[in-house]
C-alpha cells in the first residue's frame, strides 16, 4: 500500500532520474566526432626477418617453430614512438609490452605501456586489451587506456589503432588516443 508520504518522495526521485537520463542522452555523441587527445605513431620491425633489428620477438615458443605465431607463445615487444608517420621523424618515446595469441585467429591479448618524453607530455599510459591483428590499411582495432603516470596519471579512455604502412618486414601504426578526465583530476590537453 502506497501512503501519501511515500508517494510524495517518489515523485521528485522519478523526476530527478528522468532528468539525469535525458541529460546524459543529450550529451552522448560519437567519439568519432571529437578530436583525439593525442596522435602518435608506433613502428614495428617484424621478428621473422633475418638480420633485421626486430622490435618484437617470441620469448616463449609454444613448443613448435618460432615462426609459427600460434596459440601458446609469449611475445615481447618494444616499439619506437614518433609524432608522425615519417620513419625518420625523431623518436619521442617507446612502447614496451608483451603479447600472446588467443585461440581466435589473428587475435592477440596485449599488455602495453606507451611512454612519452616530450615538452608537452612526460609520462606513461597503460593499456591491456584484445588486439585484432591489422592485415590491411582499412582495418581498425581498439585498445583500452586504464591508467598511467606523470602527465597521464589515472588516465582512462581508449586508443584506435590503424595501420598506415604495411611492408614485407615492417608496419607503422597510427594510435589515436582518446582520454577522458581522470578519477581525481581533469587531464589538460591541447
N, C-alpha and C. Protein backbone atom coordinates (compact mmCIF):
# COMPACT_ATOMS: atom_id res chain seq x y z
N UNK A 1 0.83 -1.18 0.00
CA UNK A 1 0.00 0.00 0.00
C UNK A 1 0.88 1.24 0.00
N UNK A 2 0.66 2.16 -0.91
CA UNK A 2 1.42 3.40 -1.02
C UNK A 2 0.74 4.45 -0.16
N UNK A 3 1.54 5.02 0.70
CA UNK A 3 1.00 6.08 1.54
C UNK A 3 1.23 7.41 0.88
N UNK A 4 0.54 8.40 1.37
CA UNK A 4 0.69 9.75 0.84
C UNK A 4 2.13 10.23 1.00
N UNK A 5 2.77 9.90 2.15
CA UNK A 5 4.14 10.35 2.41
C UNK A 5 5.13 9.70 1.45
N UNK A 6 5.03 8.37 1.19
CA UNK A 6 5.97 7.70 0.28
C UNK A 6 5.75 8.14 -1.16
N UNK A 7 4.52 8.42 -1.53
CA UNK A 7 4.24 8.90 -2.88
C UNK A 7 4.83 10.28 -3.10
N UNK A 8 4.84 11.11 -2.06
CA UNK A 8 5.41 12.45 -2.22
C UNK A 8 6.92 12.40 -2.40
N UNK A 9 7.61 11.39 -1.83
CA UNK A 9 9.05 11.24 -2.03
C UNK A 9 9.37 10.62 -3.39
N UNK A 10 8.50 9.75 -3.88
CA UNK A 10 8.74 9.05 -5.14
C UNK A 10 8.71 10.00 -6.32
N UNK A 11 7.81 10.97 -6.32
CA UNK A 11 7.70 11.88 -7.47
C UNK A 11 8.97 12.65 -7.74
N UNK A 12 9.60 13.29 -6.73
CA UNK A 12 10.85 14.01 -7.01
C UNK A 12 11.98 13.07 -7.46
N UNK A 13 12.02 11.87 -6.89
CA UNK A 13 13.07 10.92 -7.27
C UNK A 13 12.90 10.51 -8.73
N UNK A 14 11.67 10.23 -9.14
CA UNK A 14 11.41 9.87 -10.53
C UNK A 14 11.77 11.03 -11.45
N UNK A 15 11.43 12.24 -11.08
CA UNK A 15 11.77 13.41 -11.89
C UNK A 15 13.27 13.61 -12.00
N UNK A 16 13.98 13.43 -10.89
CA UNK A 16 15.44 13.58 -10.90
C UNK A 16 16.07 12.53 -11.79
N UNK A 17 15.63 11.27 -11.67
CA UNK A 17 16.17 10.20 -12.51
C UNK A 17 15.87 10.44 -13.99
N UNK A 18 14.67 10.88 -14.29
CA UNK A 18 14.31 11.17 -15.68
C UNK A 18 15.16 12.30 -16.23
N UNK A 19 15.36 13.35 -15.44
CA UNK A 19 16.18 14.48 -15.86
C UNK A 19 17.63 14.04 -16.10
N UNK A 20 18.17 13.23 -15.19
CA UNK A 20 19.55 12.74 -15.34
C UNK A 20 19.69 11.91 -16.60
N UNK A 21 18.70 11.07 -16.88
CA UNK A 21 18.74 10.25 -18.08
C UNK A 21 18.69 11.11 -19.34
N UNK A 22 17.81 12.08 -19.36
CA UNK A 22 17.71 12.98 -20.53
C UNK A 22 19.00 13.77 -20.73
N UNK A 23 19.60 14.24 -19.64
CA UNK A 23 20.86 14.99 -19.76
C UNK A 23 21.97 14.11 -20.32
N UNK A 24 22.04 12.88 -19.83
CA UNK A 24 23.11 12.00 -20.33
C UNK A 24 22.88 11.65 -21.79
N UNK A 25 21.65 11.46 -22.20
CA UNK A 25 21.37 11.14 -23.60
C UNK A 25 21.67 12.32 -24.52
N UNK A 26 21.41 13.52 -24.05
CA UNK A 26 21.63 14.68 -24.90
C UNK A 26 23.11 15.00 -25.06
N UNK A 27 23.94 14.54 -24.13
CA UNK A 27 25.38 14.82 -24.23
C UNK A 27 26.15 13.68 -24.86
N UNK A 28 25.52 12.54 -25.08
CA UNK A 28 26.20 11.42 -25.71
C UNK A 28 26.40 11.73 -27.18
N UNK A 29 27.62 11.57 -27.63
CA UNK A 29 27.90 11.71 -29.05
C UNK A 29 29.02 10.77 -29.39
N UNK A 30 29.13 10.49 -30.60
CA UNK A 30 30.16 9.56 -31.05
C UNK A 30 31.52 10.17 -30.80
N UNK A 31 32.46 9.32 -30.30
CA UNK A 31 33.82 9.81 -30.12
C UNK A 31 34.47 10.15 -31.44
N UNK A 32 33.93 9.64 -32.52
CA UNK A 32 34.46 9.96 -33.85
C UNK A 32 34.23 11.44 -34.18
N UNK A 33 33.30 12.08 -33.45
CA UNK A 33 33.01 13.49 -33.69
C UNK A 33 33.99 14.42 -32.97
N UNK A 34 34.79 13.87 -32.09
CA UNK A 34 35.74 14.73 -31.38
C UNK A 34 37.16 14.37 -31.78
N UNK A 35 38.04 15.32 -31.59
CA UNK A 35 39.44 15.09 -31.90
C UNK A 35 40.09 14.24 -30.83
N UNK A 36 41.05 13.41 -31.22
CA UNK A 36 41.76 12.65 -30.20
C UNK A 36 42.59 13.59 -29.31
N UNK A 37 42.85 13.15 -28.09
CA UNK A 37 43.69 13.92 -27.18
C UNK A 37 45.14 13.95 -27.66
N UNK A 38 45.53 12.91 -28.38
CA UNK A 38 46.91 12.73 -28.78
C UNK A 38 46.96 11.77 -29.95
N UNK A 39 47.83 12.01 -30.93
CA UNK A 39 48.06 11.08 -32.03
C UNK A 39 49.55 10.79 -32.09
N UNK A 40 49.89 9.50 -32.07
CA UNK A 40 51.29 9.08 -32.14
C UNK A 40 51.40 7.92 -33.13
N UNK A 41 52.62 7.57 -33.49
CA UNK A 41 52.86 6.51 -34.45
C UNK A 41 53.87 5.53 -33.89
N UNK A 42 53.55 4.25 -33.95
CA UNK A 42 54.43 3.20 -33.48
C UNK A 42 54.97 2.43 -34.68
N UNK A 43 56.24 2.08 -34.63
CA UNK A 43 56.92 1.42 -35.74
C UNK A 43 57.33 0.02 -35.33
N UNK A 44 56.87 -0.97 -36.10
CA UNK A 44 57.19 -2.37 -35.82
C UNK A 44 58.10 -2.92 -36.90
N UNK A 45 59.19 -3.55 -36.48
CA UNK A 45 60.08 -4.31 -37.37
C UNK A 45 59.81 -5.77 -37.06
N UNK A 46 59.30 -6.52 -38.02
CA UNK A 46 58.86 -7.89 -37.77
C UNK A 46 60.01 -8.77 -37.28
N UNK A 47 59.67 -9.71 -36.39
CA UNK A 47 60.68 -10.57 -35.78
C UNK A 47 61.19 -11.67 -36.69
N UNK A 48 60.45 -12.00 -37.72
CA UNK A 48 60.84 -13.14 -38.55
C UNK A 48 61.62 -12.73 -39.80
N UNK A 49 62.25 -11.54 -39.76
CA UNK A 49 63.06 -11.08 -40.89
C UNK A 49 64.53 -11.26 -40.52
N UNK A 50 65.25 -12.14 -41.21
CA UNK A 50 66.65 -12.38 -40.88
C UNK A 50 67.49 -11.10 -40.99
N UNK A 51 68.31 -10.85 -39.98
CA UNK A 51 69.21 -9.70 -39.99
C UNK A 51 68.57 -8.38 -39.61
N UNK A 52 67.27 -8.34 -39.38
CA UNK A 52 66.58 -7.09 -39.04
C UNK A 52 66.71 -6.80 -37.55
N UNK A 53 66.69 -5.52 -37.21
CA UNK A 53 66.70 -5.10 -35.82
C UNK A 53 65.25 -5.14 -35.31
N UNK A 54 64.80 -6.31 -34.90
CA UNK A 54 63.40 -6.55 -34.57
C UNK A 54 62.93 -5.71 -33.39
N UNK A 55 61.66 -5.31 -33.44
CA UNK A 55 61.05 -4.61 -32.32
C UNK A 55 60.19 -5.56 -31.50
N UNK A 56 60.02 -6.79 -31.97
CA UNK A 56 59.30 -7.79 -31.19
C UNK A 56 59.92 -9.16 -31.44
N UNK A 57 59.84 -10.02 -30.44
CA UNK A 57 60.39 -11.37 -30.54
C UNK A 57 59.43 -12.34 -29.86
N UNK A 58 59.57 -13.60 -30.21
CA UNK A 58 58.86 -14.65 -29.50
C UNK A 58 59.77 -15.07 -28.35
N UNK A 59 59.35 -14.78 -27.12
CA UNK A 59 60.18 -15.06 -25.95
C UNK A 59 59.99 -16.49 -25.47
N UNK A 60 58.78 -16.99 -25.56
CA UNK A 60 58.47 -18.36 -25.14
C UNK A 60 57.69 -19.03 -26.26
N UNK A 61 58.32 -19.97 -26.96
CA UNK A 61 57.61 -20.63 -28.06
C UNK A 61 56.57 -21.62 -27.54
N UNK A 62 55.59 -21.97 -28.38
CA UNK A 62 54.56 -22.92 -27.95
C UNK A 62 55.02 -24.37 -28.02
N UNK A 63 56.28 -24.58 -28.33
CA UNK A 63 56.77 -25.94 -28.48
C UNK A 63 57.04 -26.28 -29.93
N UNK A 64 56.57 -25.45 -30.83
CA UNK A 64 56.80 -25.66 -32.26
C UNK A 64 57.81 -24.65 -32.76
N UNK A 65 57.70 -24.32 -34.00
CA UNK A 65 58.60 -23.37 -34.64
C UNK A 65 58.38 -21.96 -34.10
N UNK A 66 59.44 -21.20 -33.98
CA UNK A 66 59.32 -19.80 -33.54
C UNK A 66 58.52 -18.98 -34.53
N UNK A 67 58.57 -19.34 -35.79
CA UNK A 67 57.85 -18.57 -36.81
C UNK A 67 56.35 -18.88 -36.82
N UNK A 68 55.94 -19.92 -36.10
CA UNK A 68 54.51 -20.26 -36.10
C UNK A 68 53.83 -19.46 -34.99
N UNK A 69 53.29 -18.33 -35.36
CA UNK A 69 52.62 -17.46 -34.40
C UNK A 69 51.28 -18.07 -34.03
N UNK A 70 51.33 -19.11 -33.19
CA UNK A 70 50.12 -19.83 -32.83
C UNK A 70 49.88 -19.74 -31.33
N UNK A 71 48.71 -20.18 -30.94
CA UNK A 71 48.31 -20.19 -29.53
C UNK A 71 49.38 -20.88 -28.69
N UNK A 72 49.76 -20.25 -27.62
CA UNK A 72 50.72 -20.86 -26.71
C UNK A 72 52.04 -20.12 -26.59
N UNK A 73 52.34 -19.20 -27.49
CA UNK A 73 53.61 -18.49 -27.36
C UNK A 73 53.41 -17.19 -26.59
N UNK A 74 54.51 -16.63 -26.14
CA UNK A 74 54.52 -15.33 -25.47
C UNK A 74 55.53 -14.46 -26.19
N UNK A 75 55.10 -13.29 -26.64
CA UNK A 75 55.98 -12.38 -27.34
C UNK A 75 56.25 -11.14 -26.51
N UNK A 76 57.40 -10.54 -26.76
CA UNK A 76 57.81 -9.32 -26.09
C UNK A 76 58.14 -8.29 -27.16
N UNK A 77 57.74 -7.05 -26.94
CA UNK A 77 57.95 -6.01 -27.95
C UNK A 77 58.38 -4.71 -27.30
N UNK A 78 59.08 -3.91 -28.07
CA UNK A 78 59.33 -2.51 -27.70
C UNK A 78 59.42 -1.70 -28.99
N UNK A 79 58.36 -0.96 -29.27
CA UNK A 79 58.29 -0.16 -30.49
C UNK A 79 58.72 1.27 -30.22
N UNK A 80 59.47 1.87 -31.14
CA UNK A 80 59.73 3.31 -31.01
C UNK A 80 58.45 4.09 -31.32
N UNK A 81 58.27 5.22 -30.64
CA UNK A 81 57.10 6.07 -30.84
C UNK A 81 57.57 7.37 -31.47
N UNK A 82 56.86 7.80 -32.52
CA UNK A 82 57.18 9.06 -33.20
C UNK A 82 55.93 9.93 -33.29
N UNK A 83 56.12 11.22 -33.51
CA UNK A 83 54.99 12.16 -33.62
C UNK A 83 54.37 12.16 -35.00
N UNK A 84 55.04 11.55 -35.99
CA UNK A 84 54.49 11.48 -37.34
C UNK A 84 54.77 10.11 -37.92
N UNK A 85 54.16 9.82 -39.06
CA UNK A 85 54.34 8.52 -39.70
C UNK A 85 55.65 8.43 -40.48
N UNK A 86 56.41 9.50 -40.53
CA UNK A 86 57.70 9.51 -41.21
C UNK A 86 58.70 8.67 -40.40
N UNK A 87 59.25 7.60 -41.00
CA UNK A 87 60.16 6.74 -40.24
C UNK A 87 61.45 7.42 -39.82
N UNK A 88 61.73 8.60 -40.37
CA UNK A 88 62.94 9.33 -39.96
C UNK A 88 62.64 10.41 -38.92
N UNK A 89 61.36 10.56 -38.54
CA UNK A 89 60.98 11.55 -37.52
C UNK A 89 61.64 11.17 -36.20
N UNK A 90 61.94 12.17 -35.36
CA UNK A 90 62.59 11.87 -34.08
C UNK A 90 61.71 10.97 -33.20
N UNK A 91 62.37 10.09 -32.46
CA UNK A 91 61.68 9.22 -31.52
C UNK A 91 61.29 10.06 -30.30
N UNK A 92 60.01 10.02 -29.92
CA UNK A 92 59.53 10.81 -28.77
C UNK A 92 59.16 9.92 -27.59
N UNK A 93 59.33 8.62 -27.75
CA UNK A 93 59.02 7.71 -26.67
C UNK A 93 59.21 6.28 -27.09
N UNK A 94 58.75 5.39 -26.23
CA UNK A 94 58.85 3.96 -26.52
C UNK A 94 57.60 3.26 -26.03
N UNK A 95 57.36 2.08 -26.57
CA UNK A 95 56.17 1.33 -26.20
C UNK A 95 56.52 -0.14 -25.99
N UNK A 96 56.99 -0.46 -24.77
CA UNK A 96 57.26 -1.86 -24.47
C UNK A 96 55.98 -2.59 -24.07
N UNK A 97 55.99 -3.90 -24.20
CA UNK A 97 54.84 -4.68 -23.79
C UNK A 97 55.05 -6.14 -24.09
N UNK A 98 54.03 -6.93 -23.79
CA UNK A 98 54.08 -8.34 -24.17
C UNK A 98 52.72 -8.74 -24.72
N UNK A 99 52.72 -9.82 -25.47
CA UNK A 99 51.51 -10.25 -26.17
C UNK A 99 51.50 -11.76 -26.31
N UNK A 100 50.30 -12.30 -26.43
CA UNK A 100 50.15 -13.72 -26.71
C UNK A 100 48.87 -13.92 -27.50
N UNK A 101 48.86 -14.91 -28.40
CA UNK A 101 47.68 -15.12 -29.24
C UNK A 101 46.56 -15.81 -28.47
N UNK A 102 45.34 -15.43 -28.79
CA UNK A 102 44.17 -16.13 -28.31
C UNK A 102 43.89 -17.27 -29.26
N UNK A 103 42.93 -18.10 -28.93
CA UNK A 103 42.60 -19.20 -29.84
C UNK A 103 41.90 -18.72 -31.10
N UNK A 104 41.28 -17.53 -31.04
CA UNK A 104 40.65 -16.96 -32.23
C UNK A 104 41.75 -16.47 -33.17
N UNK A 105 41.70 -16.83 -34.45
CA UNK A 105 42.76 -16.43 -35.38
C UNK A 105 42.94 -14.91 -35.46
N UNK A 106 44.18 -14.48 -35.56
CA UNK A 106 44.57 -13.08 -35.71
C UNK A 106 44.08 -12.20 -34.55
N UNK A 107 44.00 -12.77 -33.37
CA UNK A 107 43.56 -12.03 -32.20
C UNK A 107 44.57 -12.24 -31.08
N UNK A 108 45.16 -11.15 -30.60
CA UNK A 108 46.16 -11.21 -29.54
C UNK A 108 45.64 -10.54 -28.28
N UNK A 109 46.12 -11.00 -27.14
CA UNK A 109 45.96 -10.25 -25.90
C UNK A 109 47.26 -9.49 -25.71
N UNK A 110 47.16 -8.18 -25.49
CA UNK A 110 48.38 -7.39 -25.34
C UNK A 110 48.32 -6.56 -24.06
N UNK A 111 49.49 -6.37 -23.49
CA UNK A 111 49.68 -5.53 -22.32
C UNK A 111 50.81 -4.59 -22.69
N UNK A 112 50.50 -3.30 -22.76
CA UNK A 112 51.41 -2.34 -23.38
C UNK A 112 51.52 -1.08 -22.54
N UNK A 113 52.73 -0.55 -22.49
CA UNK A 113 52.99 0.78 -21.95
C UNK A 113 53.34 1.69 -23.11
N UNK A 114 52.92 2.92 -23.04
CA UNK A 114 53.33 3.92 -24.03
C UNK A 114 53.92 5.07 -23.22
N UNK A 115 55.24 5.19 -23.29
CA UNK A 115 55.95 6.21 -22.52
C UNK A 115 56.38 7.32 -23.45
N UNK A 116 55.99 8.54 -23.11
CA UNK A 116 56.36 9.71 -23.91
C UNK A 116 57.25 10.63 -23.09
N UNK A 117 58.19 11.24 -23.77
CA UNK A 117 59.08 12.21 -23.14
C UNK A 117 59.21 13.39 -24.10
N UNK A 118 58.20 14.26 -24.07
CA UNK A 118 58.19 15.44 -24.93
C UNK A 118 58.03 16.67 -24.04
N UNK A 119 58.07 17.82 -24.66
CA UNK A 119 57.86 19.05 -23.91
C UNK A 119 56.47 19.08 -23.30
N UNK A 120 55.47 18.58 -24.03
CA UNK A 120 54.09 18.62 -23.57
C UNK A 120 53.70 17.43 -22.69
N UNK A 121 54.23 16.24 -22.98
CA UNK A 121 53.83 15.03 -22.27
C UNK A 121 55.05 14.31 -21.71
N UNK A 122 55.01 14.05 -20.43
CA UNK A 122 56.05 13.24 -19.77
C UNK A 122 55.31 12.25 -18.88
N UNK A 123 55.26 11.02 -19.33
CA UNK A 123 54.56 10.01 -18.56
C UNK A 123 54.27 8.78 -19.38
N UNK A 124 53.54 7.86 -18.77
CA UNK A 124 53.27 6.56 -19.37
C UNK A 124 51.78 6.24 -19.31
N UNK A 125 51.25 5.74 -20.41
CA UNK A 125 49.89 5.20 -20.48
C UNK A 125 49.97 3.69 -20.35
N UNK A 126 48.98 3.07 -19.71
CA UNK A 126 48.91 1.62 -19.62
C UNK A 126 47.70 1.13 -20.39
N UNK A 127 47.90 0.08 -21.19
CA UNK A 127 46.81 -0.49 -21.97
C UNK A 127 46.86 -2.00 -21.88
N UNK A 128 45.70 -2.61 -21.72
CA UNK A 128 45.57 -4.07 -21.74
C UNK A 128 44.30 -4.39 -22.50
N UNK A 129 44.41 -5.11 -23.59
CA UNK A 129 43.24 -5.36 -24.44
C UNK A 129 43.46 -6.57 -25.33
N UNK A 130 42.35 -7.01 -25.91
CA UNK A 130 42.44 -7.90 -27.06
C UNK A 130 42.76 -7.03 -28.26
N UNK A 131 43.54 -7.54 -29.17
CA UNK A 131 44.00 -6.76 -30.31
C UNK A 131 43.80 -7.59 -31.57
N UNK A 132 43.00 -7.08 -32.49
CA UNK A 132 42.84 -7.73 -33.78
C UNK A 132 44.04 -7.35 -34.65
N UNK A 133 44.74 -8.35 -35.14
CA UNK A 133 45.91 -8.10 -35.99
C UNK A 133 45.46 -7.37 -37.25
N UNK A 134 46.12 -6.27 -37.55
CA UNK A 134 45.76 -5.45 -38.71
C UNK A 134 46.52 -5.97 -39.93
N UNK A 135 45.78 -6.43 -40.90
CA UNK A 135 46.38 -7.00 -42.11
C UNK A 135 46.27 -6.08 -43.32
N UNK A 136 45.57 -4.95 -43.18
CA UNK A 136 45.45 -4.03 -44.31
C UNK A 136 45.29 -2.61 -43.78
N UNK A 137 45.25 -1.66 -44.68
CA UNK A 137 45.23 -0.25 -44.28
C UNK A 137 43.82 0.26 -43.95
N UNK A 138 42.81 -0.58 -44.06
CA UNK A 138 41.46 -0.14 -43.72
C UNK A 138 40.97 -0.74 -42.40
N UNK A 139 41.71 -1.67 -41.84
CA UNK A 139 41.32 -2.28 -40.57
C UNK A 139 41.55 -1.31 -39.41
N UNK A 140 40.79 -1.53 -38.35
CA UNK A 140 40.97 -0.72 -37.14
C UNK A 140 40.70 -1.61 -35.94
N UNK A 141 41.41 -1.38 -34.87
CA UNK A 141 41.16 -2.08 -33.62
C UNK A 141 41.24 -1.07 -32.48
N UNK A 142 40.76 -1.46 -31.33
CA UNK A 142 40.77 -0.56 -30.17
C UNK A 142 41.51 -1.18 -29.01
N UNK A 143 42.16 -0.33 -28.26
CA UNK A 143 42.82 -0.70 -27.01
C UNK A 143 42.22 0.14 -25.89
N UNK A 144 42.21 -0.39 -24.69
CA UNK A 144 41.77 0.40 -23.55
C UNK A 144 42.95 1.19 -22.99
N UNK A 145 42.66 2.30 -22.37
CA UNK A 145 43.64 3.01 -21.55
C UNK A 145 43.11 2.91 -20.13
N UNK A 146 43.89 2.29 -19.28
CA UNK A 146 43.40 2.05 -17.92
C UNK A 146 44.41 2.49 -16.87
N UNK A 147 44.95 3.66 -17.06
CA UNK A 147 45.86 4.21 -16.07
C UNK A 147 47.09 4.81 -16.70
N UNK A 148 47.90 5.40 -15.87
CA UNK A 148 49.12 5.99 -16.36
C UNK A 148 49.87 6.70 -15.24
N UNK A 149 51.00 7.28 -15.63
CA UNK A 149 51.82 8.02 -14.69
C UNK A 149 52.16 9.38 -15.29
N UNK A 150 52.71 10.26 -14.49
CA UNK A 150 53.14 11.57 -14.97
C UNK A 150 51.97 12.34 -15.56
N UNK A 151 52.14 12.82 -16.79
CA UNK A 151 51.08 13.58 -17.47
C UNK A 151 49.78 12.78 -17.60
N UNK A 152 49.87 11.47 -17.51
CA UNK A 152 48.72 10.60 -17.73
C UNK A 152 48.24 9.92 -16.45
N UNK A 153 48.60 10.44 -15.31
CA UNK A 153 48.22 9.84 -14.03
C UNK A 153 46.71 9.62 -13.97
N UNK A 154 46.32 8.40 -13.67
CA UNK A 154 44.92 7.99 -13.54
C UNK A 154 44.10 8.19 -14.81
N UNK A 155 44.73 8.21 -15.95
CA UNK A 155 44.00 8.41 -17.21
C UNK A 155 43.11 7.22 -17.51
N UNK A 156 42.04 7.47 -18.23
CA UNK A 156 41.19 6.40 -18.75
C UNK A 156 40.74 6.82 -20.14
N UNK A 157 40.37 5.84 -20.93
CA UNK A 157 39.94 6.13 -22.29
C UNK A 157 40.23 4.96 -23.19
N UNK A 158 40.48 5.26 -24.44
CA UNK A 158 40.77 4.20 -25.39
C UNK A 158 41.65 4.74 -26.51
N UNK A 159 42.18 3.81 -27.29
CA UNK A 159 43.05 4.13 -28.42
C UNK A 159 42.51 3.40 -29.64
N UNK A 160 42.34 4.12 -30.75
CA UNK A 160 42.04 3.44 -32.00
C UNK A 160 43.36 3.25 -32.74
N UNK A 161 43.56 2.06 -33.25
CA UNK A 161 44.80 1.72 -33.93
C UNK A 161 44.49 1.38 -35.38
N UNK A 162 45.18 2.06 -36.29
CA UNK A 162 45.08 1.75 -37.71
C UNK A 162 46.48 1.62 -38.27
N UNK A 163 46.63 0.80 -39.26
CA UNK A 163 47.91 0.66 -39.94
C UNK A 163 47.99 1.74 -41.02
N UNK A 164 49.11 2.45 -41.08
CA UNK A 164 49.29 3.46 -42.13
C UNK A 164 50.32 2.99 -43.16
N UNK A 165 51.07 1.95 -42.81
CA UNK A 165 52.05 1.38 -43.75
C UNK A 165 52.30 -0.06 -43.33
N UNK A 166 52.16 -0.98 -44.27
CA UNK A 166 52.48 -2.38 -44.01
C UNK A 166 53.40 -2.84 -45.13
N UNK A 167 54.64 -3.17 -44.77
CA UNK A 167 55.60 -3.66 -45.74
C UNK A 167 55.91 -5.12 -45.46
N UNK A 168 56.79 -5.71 -46.27
CA UNK A 168 57.11 -7.13 -46.06
C UNK A 168 57.85 -7.38 -44.75
N UNK A 169 58.52 -6.37 -44.22
CA UNK A 169 59.30 -6.58 -43.00
C UNK A 169 58.98 -5.59 -41.88
N UNK A 170 57.95 -4.75 -42.07
CA UNK A 170 57.65 -3.72 -41.07
C UNK A 170 56.20 -3.27 -41.17
N UNK A 171 55.78 -2.52 -40.15
CA UNK A 171 54.46 -1.89 -40.18
C UNK A 171 54.54 -0.60 -39.36
N UNK A 172 53.74 0.38 -39.73
CA UNK A 172 53.60 1.63 -38.99
C UNK A 172 52.15 1.76 -38.58
N UNK A 173 51.92 2.02 -37.29
CA UNK A 173 50.57 2.11 -36.76
C UNK A 173 50.29 3.51 -36.23
N UNK A 174 49.11 4.00 -36.54
CA UNK A 174 48.65 5.28 -36.00
C UNK A 174 47.82 4.98 -34.76
N UNK A 175 48.20 5.59 -33.65
CA UNK A 175 47.46 5.47 -32.39
C UNK A 175 46.77 6.80 -32.13
N UNK A 176 45.45 6.82 -32.27
CA UNK A 176 44.65 8.00 -31.91
C UNK A 176 44.15 7.76 -30.49
N UNK A 177 44.65 8.55 -29.55
CA UNK A 177 44.39 8.34 -28.13
C UNK A 177 43.27 9.28 -27.68
N UNK A 178 42.20 8.70 -27.17
CA UNK A 178 41.05 9.46 -26.67
C UNK A 178 41.02 9.30 -25.15
N UNK A 179 41.34 10.37 -24.44
CA UNK A 179 41.39 10.30 -22.99
C UNK A 179 40.25 11.10 -22.39
N UNK A 180 39.71 10.58 -21.31
CA UNK A 180 38.68 11.31 -20.57
C UNK A 180 39.30 11.79 -19.26
N UNK A 181 38.52 12.46 -18.47
CA UNK A 181 39.06 13.01 -17.23
C UNK A 181 39.51 11.90 -16.31
N UNK A 182 40.47 12.24 -15.49
CA UNK A 182 40.97 11.29 -14.50
C UNK A 182 39.94 11.14 -13.40
N UNK A 183 40.14 10.14 -12.61
CA UNK A 183 39.24 9.93 -11.48
C UNK A 183 39.40 11.02 -10.42
N UNK A 184 40.61 11.60 -10.32
CA UNK A 184 40.84 12.62 -9.31
C UNK A 184 40.95 14.02 -9.86
N UNK A 185 41.61 14.15 -10.98
CA UNK A 185 41.81 15.48 -11.55
C UNK A 185 41.60 15.42 -13.05
N UNK A 186 41.15 16.52 -13.67
CA UNK A 186 40.94 16.51 -15.12
C UNK A 186 42.28 16.57 -15.86
N UNK A 187 42.35 15.89 -16.99
CA UNK A 187 43.52 15.99 -17.85
C UNK A 187 43.46 17.28 -18.64
N UNK A 188 44.57 17.90 -18.83
CA UNK A 188 44.62 19.14 -19.61
C UNK A 188 45.35 18.86 -20.92
N UNK A 189 44.61 18.81 -22.01
CA UNK A 189 45.20 18.58 -23.33
C UNK A 189 44.89 19.75 -24.23
N UNK A 190 45.69 19.89 -25.25
CA UNK A 190 45.57 20.91 -26.31
C UNK A 190 45.95 22.26 -25.83
